[in-house]
Every structure is written in C-alpha cells, then in structure tokens.
Amino acid sequence: MAGSVRGTLIGWFAAALLLVGVGALVGAFIAQRPGAESAALQLRSDRVAQSLARSEFEAQLQAAQSRIEQAQSEVVIERAARAELEKTLSDSQRDLGRLRDHIAFYEQLLPPGPQGAIDLRAVDIALQGRALSYRVLLMRSGKPGERFNGRLEFVALGRQKNKEVTLILSALQSTSPTLVAGKDAQEKIVSPDASTELFKLDFEQFQRVQGMLAVPAGFEPQSVTVRVLDGDIVLASRRVDL
C-alpha cells in the first residue's frame, strides 16, 4: 500500500515536473515571440528601404546616362558645325587668295605713271569694205579711285580728190539686222552728237570698246589716230597706220 502510494506520489511529482517544464517552454516561446515579430518587421522595413534606395539610384543612373548621351550629341553637333566653319573659312581664304592674284595681275597690267593717268593699252583698226572696225582697250594707272568720264575721238588722215585731208570719223550703224531684197542691210552714218554718245567713256580701271567707223565716199584713209578726250583736253592718243 505504502509502495503504491509512493509510486503514485512519484508519478504525480513527475507529471508536475513535466507540466512545469512545458509551461516554462511555453512561457519562453511566448516571451520570445514579440521579438521575432519585431525582427521580421525590421527585416521587411530594411528590404523596402533597400528597394526604394535601389529605385532612386537606378533613376539617378538613368538621368545621368541621359545627360551623357545629350552631351555626346551636342559634342557631335558642335564638331560638325566646327568642321563646316573650318571648310567655309578655308574656301573663303582660297577665294581671297585667287582675288589677290587677280588684283596683282591687273596691277601689273596697269601702266606706270601718275595716279589716274589714262593709257591706250591696245588699239586695233582695220578696213572692212567701206568701213573701219575698231577695238580699243583703255586703262588707268595706279589703284582704283574716282571714275573717269570722257570720250574717244577717231581722226583719220588720208586722200580725197587727190588732196591730203584730215577727217573726224563718225560711228556706223546698220539700219536693220535683216537682208533687204537679197542684198546686205543698209547702213547709215551716225550723227556727230550720236557718235559722242557711242564713244563715251565711263570706267574706273579699264574699259574695252569696239564698233564700226564710217568712211566718207571718195575718202581713202591712210592712218587713224585714236584720242582720249576729257572735254577738249587730249589725255592720250595713238596712231594706227592702215
């Protein structure tokens, strides 16, 4: 009986100890649970913060990449514009060099003498039937200045009715550029006033004039003197023998 009671007490005591242990474990689990939830919440917060930080970093990286691409595009455009400007400058310098060469060439052609002096650089006069063709090149010495305004005059020396005479020739013009009755177009002598207009000079450095001169009937020209006039003053002259 005593042994049975003892065994019973021992069983109850063991059961009590087991309950106490289980209670302790449950208490410990309950005591530790709030800490685990806090850690989990902290972990989730950290993950959210990291995700936000990564998104912000990626946005900043994308913005920086866009700025880099824009800067590279601007550099390409600037280089292209610079290359175009350099080409334009090179072409302008080349054109300027050619113009300087032309100026130097024409300055070499200018006759020596006082500034603005007039010179008959070339004179060509030839008989063509009953008329005289003429080509004249006039130039001024020195660099460009004021324009020269004057006129040409053609003085012919020849024979008429077995006499030596001197005549001032007038210009010759065709009345029509077409054929009349199967013959060449009629020609007329321009009046002295009209010849003055045709022989008018107006240039700065050089002028080339050409045309036809009328030869009076019965007159045989032997030479023609070309004169450059400023009013009644002869500035230059040249004689051409025919």
Protein backbone atom coordinates (compact mmCIF):
# COMPACT_ATOMS: atom_id res chain seq x y z
CA MET A 1 0.00 0.00 0.00
CA ALA A 2 2.78 2.34 1.08
CA GLY A 3 4.65 1.34 -2.01
CA SER A 4 1.65 2.01 -4.15
CA VAL A 5 1.15 5.44 -2.59
CA ARG A 6 4.77 6.18 -3.03
CA GLY A 7 4.60 5.19 -6.64
CA THR A 8 1.54 7.34 -7.06
CA LEU A 9 3.22 10.35 -5.46
CA ILE A 10 6.25 9.85 -7.61
CA GLY A 11 4.04 9.73 -10.69
CA TRP A 12 2.25 12.88 -9.67
CA PHE A 13 5.53 14.58 -8.93
CA ALA A 14 6.92 13.62 -12.34
CA ALA A 15 3.76 14.85 -14.01
CA ALA A 16 4.05 18.11 -12.09
CA LEU A 17 7.63 18.49 -13.18
CA LEU A 18 6.61 17.79 -16.76
CA LEU A 19 3.87 20.42 -16.60
CA VAL A 20 6.28 22.93 -15.12
CA GLY A 21 8.77 22.21 -17.92
CA VAL A 22 6.14 22.53 -20.57
CA GLY A 23 4.89 25.74 -19.00
CA ALA A 24 8.39 27.09 -18.92
CA LEU A 25 8.86 26.27 -22.57
CA VAL A 26 5.52 27.83 -23.47
CA GLY A 27 6.40 30.90 -21.44
CA ALA A 28 9.75 31.14 -23.09
CA PHE A 29 8.11 30.80 -26.53
CA ILE A 30 5.54 33.40 -25.62
CA ALA A 31 8.25 35.62 -24.20
CA GLN A 32 10.37 35.33 -27.36
CA ARG A 33 7.51 35.74 -29.96
CA PRO A 34 7.22 39.57 -29.81
CA GLY A 35 10.97 39.86 -30.52
CA ALA A 36 10.72 37.65 -33.60
CA GLU A 37 7.85 39.66 -35.00
CA SER A 38 9.82 42.87 -34.41
CA ALA A 39 12.82 41.37 -36.19
CA ALA A 40 10.64 40.31 -39.10
CA LEU A 41 9.08 43.75 -39.28
CA GLN A 42 12.55 45.33 -39.18
CA LEU A 43 13.70 42.98 -41.94
CA ARG A 44 10.76 43.90 -44.12
CA SER A 45 11.37 47.61 -43.46
CA ASP A 46 15.02 47.19 -44.41
CA ARG A 47 14.05 45.40 -47.62
CA VAL A 48 11.57 48.16 -48.52
CA ALA A 49 14.21 50.84 -47.81
CA GLN A 50 16.76 48.96 -49.93
CA SER A 51 14.23 48.65 -52.76
CA LEU A 52 13.47 52.38 -52.60
CA ALA A 53 17.18 53.20 -52.49
CA ARG A 54 17.81 50.93 -55.48
CA SER A 55 14.93 52.54 -57.43
CA GLU A 56 16.25 56.03 -56.63
CA PHE A 57 19.79 55.00 -57.62
CA GLU A 58 18.56 53.50 -60.89
CA ALA A 59 16.59 56.69 -61.61
CA GLN A 60 19.67 58.82 -60.93
CA LEU A 61 21.78 56.48 -63.07
CA GLN A 62 19.29 56.71 -65.93
CA ALA A 63 19.19 60.52 -65.65
CA ALA A 64 22.99 60.65 -65.66
CA GLN A 65 23.07 58.36 -68.71
CA SER A 66 20.58 60.64 -70.50
CA ARG A 67 22.74 63.68 -69.69
CA ILE A 68 25.80 61.86 -71.01
CA GLU A 69 24.03 60.94 -74.24
CA GLN A 70 22.78 64.52 -74.66
CA ALA A 71 26.27 65.87 -74.04
CA GLN A 72 27.72 63.44 -76.61
CA SER A 73 25.08 64.51 -79.14
CA GLU A 74 25.90 68.17 -78.53
CA VAL A 75 29.60 67.41 -78.97
CA VAL A 76 28.90 65.67 -82.30
CA ILE A 77 26.80 68.65 -83.48
CA GLU A 78 29.44 71.11 -82.34
CA ARG A 79 32.18 69.16 -84.13
CA ALA A 80 30.12 69.07 -87.33
CA ALA A 81 29.44 72.81 -87.10
CA ARG A 82 33.13 73.46 -86.44
CA ALA A 83 34.13 71.33 -89.42
CA GLU A 84 31.67 73.25 -91.62
CA LEU A 85 33.01 76.58 -90.38
CA GLU A 86 36.58 75.44 -90.99
CA LYS A 87 35.62 74.38 -94.54
CA THR A 88 33.88 77.72 -95.15
CA LEU A 89 36.90 79.59 -93.80
CA SER A 90 39.23 77.52 -95.99
CA ASP A 91 37.09 78.20 -99.07
CA SER A 92 36.94 81.92 -98.25
CA GLN A 93 40.72 82.06 -97.81
CA ARG A 94 41.20 80.24 -101.11
CA ASP A 95 38.81 82.64 -102.88
CA LEU A 96 40.58 85.58 -101.25
CA GLY A 97 43.91 84.24 -102.48
CA ARG A 98 42.57 83.98 -106.03
CA LEU A 99 41.20 87.52 -105.85
CA ARG A 100 44.56 88.78 -104.62
CA ASP A 101 46.26 87.00 -107.50
CA HIS A 102 43.82 88.62 -109.95
CA ILE A 103 44.39 92.03 -108.41
CA ALA A 104 48.15 91.55 -108.58
CA PHE A 105 47.82 90.50 -112.24
CA TYR A 106 45.74 93.54 -113.17
CA GLU A 107 48.03 95.83 -111.18
CA GLN A 108 50.90 94.54 -113.31
CA LEU A 109 48.88 95.43 -116.40
CA LEU A 110 48.31 98.96 -115.20
CA PRO A 111 50.69 101.33 -116.95
CA PRO A 112 53.30 103.17 -114.93
CA GLY A 113 52.75 106.84 -114.41
CA PRO A 114 50.93 109.30 -112.21
CA GLN A 115 47.92 108.11 -110.27
CA GLY A 116 44.88 108.05 -112.57
CA ALA A 117 46.79 108.56 -115.84
CA ILE A 118 44.95 107.20 -118.90
CA ASP A 119 46.70 104.87 -121.34
CA LEU A 120 45.59 103.24 -124.60
CA ARG A 121 46.78 99.71 -123.88
CA ALA A 122 45.59 98.17 -127.12
CA VAL A 123 44.23 99.64 -130.37
CA ASP A 124 43.16 97.61 -133.39
CA ILE A 125 41.75 99.34 -136.51
CA ALA A 126 41.19 97.58 -139.82
CA LEU A 127 39.40 98.24 -143.12
CA GLN A 128 36.23 96.25 -143.72
CA GLY A 129 34.80 97.20 -147.08
CA ARG A 130 33.89 100.87 -146.93
CA ALA A 131 34.11 100.98 -143.13
CA LEU A 132 36.68 100.68 -140.39
CA SER A 133 36.36 98.29 -137.46
CA TYR A 134 37.94 99.31 -134.18
CA ARG A 135 38.75 97.72 -130.85
CA VAL A 136 40.26 99.76 -128.04
CA LEU A 137 41.37 98.85 -124.51
CA LEU A 138 41.89 101.72 -122.07
CA MET A 139 43.43 101.50 -118.60
CA ARG A 140 44.25 103.82 -115.75
CA SER A 141 47.47 103.69 -113.76
CA GLY A 142 47.53 103.19 -110.02
CA LYS A 143 44.88 101.80 -107.75
CA PRO A 144 41.15 102.37 -108.20
CA GLY A 145 39.89 105.83 -107.45
CA GLU A 146 37.25 108.09 -108.88
CA ARG A 147 35.62 107.06 -112.15
CA PHE A 148 36.88 108.60 -115.36
CA ASN A 149 34.32 110.17 -117.69
CA GLY A 150 35.46 111.18 -121.15
CA ARG A 151 35.15 110.20 -124.78
CA LEU A 152 37.03 108.74 -127.70
CA GLU A 153 37.75 110.54 -130.94
CA PHE A 154 38.95 108.99 -134.20
CA VAL A 155 40.90 111.29 -136.51
CA ALA A 156 41.67 109.88 -139.96
CA LEU A 157 44.40 111.09 -142.29
CA GLY A 158 44.02 110.24 -145.97
CA ARG A 159 43.42 111.46 -149.50
CA GLN A 160 40.25 112.75 -151.11
CA LYS A 161 40.12 114.20 -154.63
CA ASN A 162 43.90 113.93 -154.82
CA LYS A 163 44.29 116.04 -151.71
CA GLU A 164 45.53 115.11 -148.25
CA VAL A 165 42.75 115.72 -145.77
CA THR A 166 42.09 115.07 -142.11
CA LEU A 167 38.62 113.98 -141.01
CA ILE A 168 36.98 113.19 -137.69
CA LEU A 169 35.19 109.89 -138.24
CA SER A 170 31.69 109.10 -137.06
CA ALA A 171 30.19 105.81 -135.97
CA LEU A 172 28.49 103.48 -138.42
CA GLN A 173 25.31 101.55 -137.62
CA SER A 174 23.10 99.14 -139.57
CA THR A 175 19.53 100.28 -140.09
CA SER A 176 18.31 96.65 -139.94
CA PRO A 177 19.89 93.32 -138.99
CA THR A 178 18.00 91.52 -141.80
CA LEU A 179 18.58 91.20 -145.55
CA VAL A 180 16.76 93.57 -147.92
CA ALA A 181 15.93 92.35 -151.47
CA GLY A 182 18.71 89.80 -151.34
CA LYS A 183 21.33 92.42 -150.51
CA ASP A 184 23.12 93.28 -147.30
CA ALA A 185 21.28 95.51 -144.89
CA GLN A 186 21.58 99.23 -145.44
CA GLU A 187 23.96 101.15 -143.18
CA LYS A 188 23.90 104.73 -142.06
CA ILE A 189 26.34 107.20 -140.61
CA VAL A 190 25.52 108.24 -137.09
CA SER A 191 25.42 111.97 -136.45
CA PRO A 192 28.33 113.55 -134.55
CA ASP A 193 26.16 114.02 -131.47
CA ALA A 194 25.13 110.36 -131.53
CA SER A 195 28.77 109.35 -132.11
CA THR A 196 29.71 111.29 -129.00
CA GLU A 197 27.34 109.10 -127.02
CA LEU A 198 28.68 105.92 -128.63
CA PHE A 199 32.28 106.97 -127.99
CA LYS A 200 31.56 107.91 -124.37
CA LEU A 201 33.93 106.54 -121.72
CA ASP A 202 32.99 105.76 -118.15
CA PHE A 203 35.27 103.45 -116.15
CA GLU A 204 37.37 103.12 -113.03
CA GLN A 205 40.31 100.92 -114.03
CA PHE A 206 39.77 99.66 -117.55
CA GLN A 207 37.25 99.71 -120.38
CA ARG A 208 37.03 97.89 -123.70
CA VAL A 209 35.13 99.46 -126.60
CA GLN A 210 34.56 98.30 -130.16
CA GLY A 211 32.45 99.17 -133.15
CA MET A 212 32.48 100.39 -136.75
CA LEU A 213 33.55 103.74 -138.20
CA ALA A 214 32.03 105.27 -141.32
CA VAL A 215 34.37 106.19 -144.18
CA PRO A 216 33.07 109.09 -146.34
CA ALA A 217 32.64 108.42 -150.03
CA GLY A 218 35.80 109.11 -152.04
CA PHE A 219 37.99 109.21 -148.94
CA GLU A 220 40.94 106.82 -148.75
CA PRO A 221 42.18 106.59 -145.14
CA GLN A 222 45.89 106.05 -144.61
CA SER A 223 46.02 106.24 -140.82
CA VAL A 224 43.72 106.77 -137.85
CA THR A 225 44.67 108.44 -134.60
CA VAL A 226 42.66 107.45 -131.53
CA ARG A 227 42.43 110.18 -128.92
CA VAL A 228 41.09 110.12 -125.36
CA LEU A 229 39.45 113.41 -124.50
CA ASP A 230 38.41 114.96 -121.23
CA GLY A 231 36.36 117.85 -122.50
CA ASP A 232 38.70 119.40 -125.08
CA ILE A 233 41.86 118.14 -123.37
CA VAL A 234 43.68 115.23 -125.05
CA LEU A 235 44.83 112.80 -122.32
CA ALA A 236 46.20 110.07 -124.56
CA SER A 237 46.49 109.24 -128.26
CA ARG A 238 47.78 106.52 -130.54
CA ARG A 239 48.18 106.39 -134.31
CA VAL A 240 47.43 103.27 -136.35
CA ASP A 241 48.63 103.05 -139.96
CA LEU A 242 46.32 101.26 -142.37
